[in-house]
Amino acid sequence: MKFQLTRATVALLCLSSAVAAAQAQAVASKQVNLGSLSTASLSYGNSFTVDAGIVSSAGGNSFAQAATFYDRYLFSVPEASYSSFTASLDLGNFFAIQGLQARLYSGTPVAPGTPVASGGGTMLQVWSSAQNNPGSTVAVGTGAFNMINLNTLAAGSYTLEVRGQVTGTAGGSYAGVVNVAAAVPEPETYLMLALGLCLVGLRIRQQHR
């Protein structure tokens, strides 16, 4: 009898560990293609509801409340590069998400917990949170705060990821905006343009003689 109780206890502990591991795992809750960054800004975001410890993601799937969600936003930069890239987040009217972080890498999305290099991408901004962005405070109604700031963004395909845990009993939400600025031509570019115009003018003048 004692041996049977021991086996039952071990089985129960194994089951509890498996459940805890499943709850603590990272979950890809939502993936959206934002399209081409041909405009100055793009909006993104997600909202979550909670029922009996199960979180449901708007436009995504459901997962245990203890799990860390990963939202992936794909976008592309046209041939012309940008001189700046900023990704901001706003938690809205209530704070029910903890550990909110964002990162940016080139290429297509990789599975949660998988190195970016395994998908052929390059990391441009490691996981960034409000805590390592001086001057930004995460609280109810504080408004938007920047998570990612880059000086340049070349043409290509990119993935913006947001992760966190939905800790509020009623759920949680966040909204974000991507802002970019067109690259300013270098002085050498203006010089080449001026020389080109001078050559064209000389050519026209020679033809008229």
C-alpha atoms as a PDB file:
ATOM      1  CA  MET A   1       0.000   0.000   0.000  1.00  0.00           C
ATOM      2  CA  LYS A   2       2.843   2.305   0.880  1.00  0.00           C
ATOM      3  CA  PHE A   3       4.482   1.579  -2.498  1.00  0.00           C
ATOM      4  CA  GLN A   4       1.236   2.364  -4.322  1.00  0.00           C
ATOM      5  CA  LEU A   5       0.884   5.679  -2.461  1.00  0.00           C
ATOM      6  CA  THR A   6       4.454   6.560  -3.357  1.00  0.00           C
ATOM      7  CA  ARG A   7       3.822   5.799  -7.017  1.00  0.00           C
ATOM      8  CA  ALA A   8       0.622   7.858  -6.945  1.00  0.00           C
ATOM      9  CA  THR A   9       2.459  10.747  -5.307  1.00  0.00           C
ATOM     10  CA  VAL A  10       5.215  10.608  -7.911  1.00  0.00           C
ATOM     11  CA  ALA A  11       2.667  10.494 -10.712  1.00  0.00           C
ATOM     12  CA  LEU A  12       0.836  13.471  -9.246  1.00  0.00           C
ATOM     13  CA  LEU A  13       4.074  15.445  -8.943  1.00  0.00           C
ATOM     14  CA  CYS A  14       4.982  14.617 -12.543  1.00  0.00           C
ATOM     15  CA  LEU A  15       1.571  15.705 -13.725  1.00  0.00           C
ATOM     16  CA  SER A  16       1.809  18.954 -11.757  1.00  0.00           C
ATOM     17  CA  SER A  17       5.240  19.645 -13.188  1.00  0.00           C
ATOM     18  CA  ALA A  18       4.004  19.008 -16.721  1.00  0.00           C
ATOM     19  CA  VAL A  19       1.076  21.371 -16.229  1.00  0.00           C
ATOM     20  CA  ALA A  20       3.338  24.055 -14.761  1.00  0.00           C
ATOM     21  CA  ALA A  21       5.783  23.688 -17.635  1.00  0.00           C
ATOM     22  CA  ALA A  22       2.975  23.956 -20.168  1.00  0.00           C
ATOM     23  CA  GLN A  23       1.663  27.090 -18.468  1.00  0.00           C
ATOM     24  CA  ALA A  24       5.095  28.727 -18.275  1.00  0.00           C
ATOM     25  CA  GLN A  25       5.922  28.122 -21.908  1.00  0.00           C
ATOM     26  CA  ALA A  26       6.047  30.832 -24.545  1.00  0.00           C
ATOM     27  CA  VAL A  27       3.051  31.013 -26.852  1.00  0.00           C
ATOM     28  CA  ALA A  28       2.804  32.593 -30.306  1.00  0.00           C
ATOM     29  CA  SER A  29      -0.548  34.276 -29.717  1.00  0.00           C
ATOM     30  CA  LYS A  30      -0.865  36.481 -32.799  1.00  0.00           C
ATOM     31  CA  GLN A  31       0.846  37.099 -36.134  1.00  0.00           C
ATOM     32  CA  VAL A  32      -0.083  39.954 -38.475  1.00  0.00           C
ATOM     33  CA  ASN A  33       1.402  41.192 -41.730  1.00  0.00           C
ATOM     34  CA  LEU A  34       1.346  44.999 -41.588  1.00  0.00           C
ATOM     35  CA  GLY A  35       2.418  45.253 -45.216  1.00  0.00           C
ATOM     36  CA  SER A  36       4.816  47.765 -46.716  1.00  0.00           C
ATOM     37  CA  LEU A  37       6.032  50.732 -44.697  1.00  0.00           C
ATOM     38  CA  SER A  38       5.287  53.109 -47.541  1.00  0.00           C
ATOM     39  CA  THR A  39       3.543  55.505 -45.157  1.00  0.00           C
ATOM     40  CA  ALA A  40       5.073  57.414 -42.255  1.00  0.00           C
ATOM     41  CA  SER A  41       3.400  55.218 -39.622  1.00  0.00           C
ATOM     42  CA  LEU A  42       1.632  51.906 -39.023  1.00  0.00           C
ATOM     43  CA  SER A  43      -0.539  50.854 -36.082  1.00  0.00           C
ATOM     44  CA  TYR A  44      -0.466  47.518 -34.269  1.00  0.00           C
ATOM     45  CA  GLY A  45      -1.778  46.061 -31.017  1.00  0.00           C
ATOM     46  CA  ASN A  46      -3.674  43.306 -29.261  1.00  0.00           C
ATOM     47  CA  SER A  47      -6.289  42.818 -26.538  1.00  0.00           C
ATOM     48  CA  PHE A  48      -6.818  39.855 -24.218  1.00  0.00           C
ATOM     49  CA  THR A  49      -9.697  38.450 -22.189  1.00  0.00           C
ATOM     50  CA  VAL A  50      -9.372  36.006 -19.296  1.00  0.00           C
ATOM     51  CA  ASP A  51     -11.801  33.268 -18.299  1.00  0.00           C
ATOM     52  CA  ALA A  52     -10.967  30.675 -15.630  1.00  0.00           C
ATOM     53  CA  GLY A  53      -7.223  31.138 -16.121  1.00  0.00           C
ATOM     54  CA  ILE A  54      -7.390  30.876 -19.915  1.00  0.00           C
ATOM     55  CA  VAL A  55      -6.369  33.901 -21.974  1.00  0.00           C
ATOM     56  CA  SER A  56      -7.962  34.543 -25.357  1.00  0.00           C
ATOM     57  CA  SER A  57      -6.105  36.804 -27.762  1.00  0.00           C
ATOM     58  CA  ALA A  58      -8.015  39.017 -30.200  1.00  0.00           C
ATOM     59  CA  GLY A  59      -7.348  37.590 -33.636  1.00  0.00           C
ATOM     60  CA  GLY A  60      -5.099  34.933 -32.127  1.00  0.00           C
ATOM     61  CA  ASN A  61      -5.364  31.781 -30.039  1.00  0.00           C
ATOM     62  CA  SER A  62      -5.976  30.849 -26.394  1.00  0.00           C
ATOM     63  CA  PHE A  63      -3.395  29.869 -23.801  1.00  0.00           C
ATOM     64  CA  ALA A  64      -2.827  29.489 -20.056  1.00  0.00           C
ATOM     65  CA  GLN A  65      -2.642  32.755 -18.140  1.00  0.00           C
ATOM     66  CA  ALA A  66       0.817  31.873 -16.762  1.00  0.00           C
ATOM     67  CA  ALA A  67       2.225  31.598 -20.293  1.00  0.00           C
ATOM     68  CA  THR A  68       4.238  34.345 -21.990  1.00  0.00           C
ATOM     69  CA  PHE A  69       2.584  35.515 -25.196  1.00  0.00           C
ATOM     70  CA  TYR A  70       4.522  36.423 -28.332  1.00  0.00           C
ATOM     71  CA  ASP A  71       2.865  38.707 -30.882  1.00  0.00           C
ATOM     72  CA  ARG A  72       4.665  39.024 -34.231  1.00  0.00           C
ATOM     73  CA  TYR A  73       4.184  41.901 -36.671  1.00  0.00           C
ATOM     74  CA  LEU A  74       5.689  41.557 -40.136  1.00  0.00           C
ATOM     75  CA  PHE A  75       6.416  44.522 -42.377  1.00  0.00           C
ATOM     76  CA  SER A  76       8.644  45.448 -45.282  1.00  0.00           C
ATOM     77  CA  VAL A  77      10.638  48.550 -46.154  1.00  0.00           C
ATOM     78  CA  PRO A  78      10.569  49.601 -49.828  1.00  0.00           C
ATOM     79  CA  GLU A  79      13.685  50.263 -51.867  1.00  0.00           C
ATOM     80  CA  ALA A  80      14.305  53.629 -50.207  1.00  0.00           C
ATOM     81  CA  SER A  81      15.665  53.235 -46.682  1.00  0.00           C
ATOM     82  CA  TYR A  82      14.652  55.284 -43.633  1.00  0.00           C
ATOM     83  CA  SER A  83      16.809  57.501 -41.434  1.00  0.00           C
ATOM     84  CA  SER A  84      14.925  56.558 -38.262  1.00  0.00           C
ATOM     85  CA  PHE A  85      12.578  53.896 -36.889  1.00  0.00           C
ATOM     86  CA  THR A  86      10.559  54.166 -33.683  1.00  0.00           C
ATOM     87  CA  ALA A  87       8.147  51.648 -32.168  1.00  0.00           C
ATOM     88  CA  SER A  88       5.991  52.956 -29.313  1.00  0.00           C
ATOM     89  CA  LEU A  89       3.510  51.183 -27.034  1.00  0.00           C
ATOM     90  CA  ASP A  90       0.558  52.363 -24.976  1.00  0.00           C
ATOM     91  CA  LEU A  91      -1.122  50.233 -22.312  1.00  0.00           C
ATOM     92  CA  GLY A  92      -4.352  52.215 -22.434  1.00  0.00           C
ATOM     93  CA  ASN A  93      -6.581  52.723 -19.417  1.00  0.00           C
ATOM     94  CA  PHE A  94      -5.584  49.740 -17.334  1.00  0.00           C
ATOM     95  CA  PHE A  95      -2.355  47.885 -16.691  1.00  0.00           C
ATOM     96  CA  ALA A  96      -2.929  44.149 -16.811  1.00  0.00           C
ATOM     97  CA  ILE A  97       0.187  43.021 -18.689  1.00  0.00           C
ATOM     98  CA  GLN A  98       3.508  42.438 -16.969  1.00  0.00           C
ATOM     99  CA  GLY A  99       6.970  42.094 -18.466  1.00  0.00           C
ATOM    100  CA  LEU A 100       5.943  43.879 -21.664  1.00  0.00           C
ATOM    101  CA  GLN A 101       8.907  43.884 -24.045  1.00  0.00           C
ATOM    102  CA  ALA A 102       9.596  44.400 -27.746  1.00  0.00           C
ATOM    103  CA  ARG A 103      12.387  43.507 -30.170  1.00  0.00           C
ATOM    104  CA  LEU A 104      13.112  43.914 -33.873  1.00  0.00           C
ATOM    105  CA  TYR A 105      14.968  41.686 -36.318  1.00  0.00           C
ATOM    106  CA  SER A 106      15.260  41.269 -40.060  1.00  0.00           C
ATOM    107  CA  GLY A 107      13.607  38.382 -41.893  1.00  0.00           C
ATOM    108  CA  THR A 108      10.531  36.298 -41.148  1.00  0.00           C
ATOM    109  CA  PRO A 109       9.288  35.345 -37.646  1.00  0.00           C
ATOM    110  CA  VAL A 110      10.904  32.517 -35.704  1.00  0.00           C
ATOM    111  CA  ALA A 111       9.209  30.296 -33.137  1.00  0.00           C
ATOM    112  CA  PRO A 112       9.293  31.557 -29.526  1.00  0.00           C
ATOM    113  CA  GLY A 113      12.544  30.522 -27.863  1.00  0.00           C
ATOM    114  CA  THR A 114      14.255  29.916 -31.217  1.00  0.00           C
ATOM    115  CA  PRO A 115      17.396  31.921 -32.110  1.00  0.00           C
ATOM    116  CA  VAL A 116      16.762  34.557 -34.753  1.00  0.00           C
ATOM    117  CA  ALA A 117      19.820  33.376 -36.697  1.00  0.00           C
ATOM    118  CA  SER A 118      18.184  29.966 -37.191  1.00  0.00           C
ATOM    119  CA  GLY A 119      15.613  31.654 -39.426  1.00  0.00           C
ATOM    120  CA  GLY A 120      18.223  33.532 -41.401  1.00  0.00           C
ATOM    121  CA  GLY A 121      17.477  36.859 -39.710  1.00  0.00           C
ATOM    122  CA  THR A 122      19.655  39.433 -37.953  1.00  0.00           C
ATOM    123  CA  MET A 123      18.857  40.968 -34.571  1.00  0.00           C
ATOM    124  CA  LEU A 124      18.547  44.767 -34.770  1.00  0.00           C
ATOM    125  CA  GLN A 125      17.172  45.479 -31.283  1.00  0.00           C
ATOM    126  CA  VAL A 126      17.256  42.984 -28.407  1.00  0.00           C
ATOM    127  CA  TRP A 127      14.323  42.726 -26.011  1.00  0.00           C
ATOM    128  CA  SER A 128      13.621  46.234 -24.796  1.00  0.00           C
ATOM    129  CA  SER A 129      11.295  47.195 -21.956  1.00  0.00           C
ATOM    130  CA  ALA A 130      10.130  50.395 -20.320  1.00  0.00           C
ATOM    131  CA  GLN A 131      12.628  49.747 -17.534  1.00  0.00           C
ATOM    132  CA  ASN A 132      15.601  50.187 -19.876  1.00  0.00           C
ATOM    133  CA  ASN A 133      14.106  53.188 -21.634  1.00  0.00           C
ATOM    134  CA  PRO A 134      14.921  56.154 -19.346  1.00  0.00           C
ATOM    135  CA  GLY A 135      12.111  58.624 -18.828  1.00  0.00           C
ATOM    136  CA  SER A 136       9.310  56.193 -19.714  1.00  0.00           C
ATOM    137  CA  THR A 137       7.070  54.917 -16.929  1.00  0.00           C
ATOM    138  CA  VAL A 138       4.583  52.099 -17.307  1.00  0.00           C
ATOM    139  CA  ALA A 139       1.414  52.856 -15.378  1.00  0.00           C
ATOM    140  CA  VAL A 140      -2.275  53.456 -15.933  1.00  0.00           C
ATOM    141  CA  GLY A 141      -2.907  56.292 -18.338  1.00  0.00           C
ATOM    142  CA  THR A 142       0.728  57.338 -18.812  1.00  0.00           C
ATOM    143  CA  GLY A 143       0.353  57.308 -22.593  1.00  0.00           C
ATOM    144  CA  ALA A 144       2.737  56.011 -25.217  1.00  0.00           C
ATOM    145  CA  PHE A 145       6.381  55.240 -24.527  1.00  0.00           C
ATOM    146  CA  ASN A 146       9.122  54.259 -26.970  1.00  0.00           C
ATOM    147  CA  MET A 147      10.343  50.669 -26.902  1.00  0.00           C
ATOM    148  CA  ILE A 148      12.596  50.710 -29.955  1.00  0.00           C
ATOM    149  CA  ASN A 149      14.644  53.522 -31.487  1.00  0.00           C
ATOM    150  CA  LEU A 150      16.903  52.968 -34.499  1.00  0.00           C
ATOM    151  CA  ASN A 151      18.898  55.512 -36.489  1.00  0.00           C
ATOM    152  CA  THR A 152      18.532  53.707 -39.818  1.00  0.00           C
ATOM    153  CA  LEU A 153      16.407  51.001 -41.390  1.00  0.00           C
ATOM    154  CA  ALA A 154      17.428  49.639 -44.782  1.00  0.00           C
ATOM    155  CA  ALA A 155      15.134  48.141 -47.409  1.00  0.00           C
ATOM    156  CA  GLY A 156      14.021  44.596 -46.627  1.00  0.00           C
ATOM    157  CA  SER A 157      11.652  42.460 -44.541  1.00  0.00           C
ATOM    158  CA  TYR A 158      11.389  42.784 -40.765  1.00  0.00           C
ATOM    159  CA  THR A 159       9.624  41.303 -37.740  1.00  0.00           C
ATOM    160  CA  LEU A 160       8.564  43.308 -34.695  1.00  0.00           C
ATOM    161  CA  GLU A 161       7.827  41.092 -31.691  1.00  0.00           C
ATOM    162  CA  VAL A 162       5.991  41.990 -28.500  1.00  0.00           C
ATOM    163  CA  ARG A 163       5.838  39.671 -25.504  1.00  0.00           C
ATOM    164  CA  GLY A 164       4.491  39.702 -21.950  1.00  0.00           C
ATOM    165  CA  GLN A 165       2.132  38.046 -19.474  1.00  0.00           C
ATOM    166  CA  VAL A 166      -1.550  38.874 -19.061  1.00  0.00           C
ATOM    167  CA  THR A 167      -1.909  39.155 -15.285  1.00  0.00           C
ATOM    168  CA  GLY A 168      -5.213  41.004 -14.949  1.00  0.00           C
ATOM    169  CA  THR A 169      -8.298  38.982 -14.072  1.00  0.00           C
ATOM    170  CA  ALA A 170     -10.270  40.999 -16.640  1.00  0.00           C
ATOM    171  CA  GLY A 171      -7.574  40.771 -19.312  1.00  0.00           C
ATOM    172  CA  GLY A 172      -5.337  43.437 -20.774  1.00  0.00           C
ATOM    173  CA  SER A 173      -4.449  45.306 -23.916  1.00  0.00           C
ATOM    174  CA  TYR A 174      -1.772  47.343 -25.629  1.00  0.00           C
ATOM    175  CA  ALA A 175      -1.604  49.514 -28.736  1.00  0.00           C
ATOM    176  CA  GLY A 176       1.443  50.592 -30.679  1.00  0.00           C
ATOM    177  CA  VAL A 177       2.577  52.797 -33.524  1.00  0.00           C
ATOM    178  CA  VAL A 178       5.575  52.426 -35.834  1.00  0.00           C
ATOM    179  CA  ASN A 179       6.981  55.738 -37.053  1.00  0.00           C
ATOM    180  CA  VAL A 180       9.662  56.234 -39.710  1.00  0.00           C
ATOM    181  CA  ALA A 181      11.396  59.188 -41.341  1.00  0.00           C
ATOM    182  CA  ALA A 182      12.631  59.291 -44.934  1.00  0.00           C
ATOM    183  CA  ALA A 183      16.383  59.190 -45.365  1.00  0.00           C
ATOM    184  CA  VAL A 184      17.964  62.568 -46.071  1.00  0.00           C
ATOM    185  CA  PRO A 185      20.336  62.465 -49.058  1.00  0.00           C
ATOM    186  CA  GLU A 186      24.023  62.834 -48.219  1.00  0.00           C
ATOM    187  CA  PRO A 187      25.873  66.010 -49.359  1.00  0.00           C
ATOM    188  CA  GLU A 188      27.673  63.881 -51.951  1.00  0.00           C
ATOM    189  CA  THR A 189      24.304  63.051 -53.482  1.00  0.00           C
ATOM    190  CA  TYR A 190      23.458  66.732 -53.917  1.00  0.00           C
ATOM    191  CA  LEU A 191      26.916  67.349 -55.442  1.00  0.00           C
ATOM    192  CA  MET A 192      26.442  64.565 -57.981  1.00  0.00           C
ATOM    193  CA  LEU A 193      22.987  65.913 -58.828  1.00  0.00           C
ATOM    194  CA  ALA A 194      24.370  69.424 -59.359  1.00  0.00           C
ATOM    195  CA  LEU A 195      27.170  68.128 -61.588  1.00  0.00           C
ATOM    196  CA  GLY A 196      24.654  66.123 -63.592  1.00  0.00           C
ATOM    197  CA  LEU A 197      22.466  69.172 -64.139  1.00  0.00           C
ATOM    198  CA  CYS A 198      25.518  71.213 -65.223  1.00  0.00           C
ATOM    199  CA  LEU A 199      26.498  68.568 -67.769  1.00  0.00           C
ATOM    200  CA  VAL A 200      22.963  68.467 -69.139  1.00  0.00           C
ATOM    201  CA  GLY A 201      22.951  72.269 -69.400  1.00  0.00           C
ATOM    202  CA  LEU A 202      26.285  72.290 -71.254  1.00  0.00           C
ATOM    203  CA  ARG A 203      25.028  69.622 -73.636  1.00  0.00           C
ATOM    204  CA  ILE A 204      21.897  71.632 -74.455  1.00  0.00           C
ATOM    205  CA  ARG A 205      23.953  74.783 -74.963  1.00  0.00           C
ATOM    206  CA  GLN A 206      26.321  73.027 -77.405  1.00  0.00           C
ATOM    207  CA  GLN A 207      23.376  71.711 -79.415  1.00  0.00           C
ATOM    208  CA  HIS A 208      21.953  75.235 -79.813  1.00  0.00           C
ATOM    209  CA  ARG A 209      25.232  76.634 -81.223  1.00  0.00           C
END
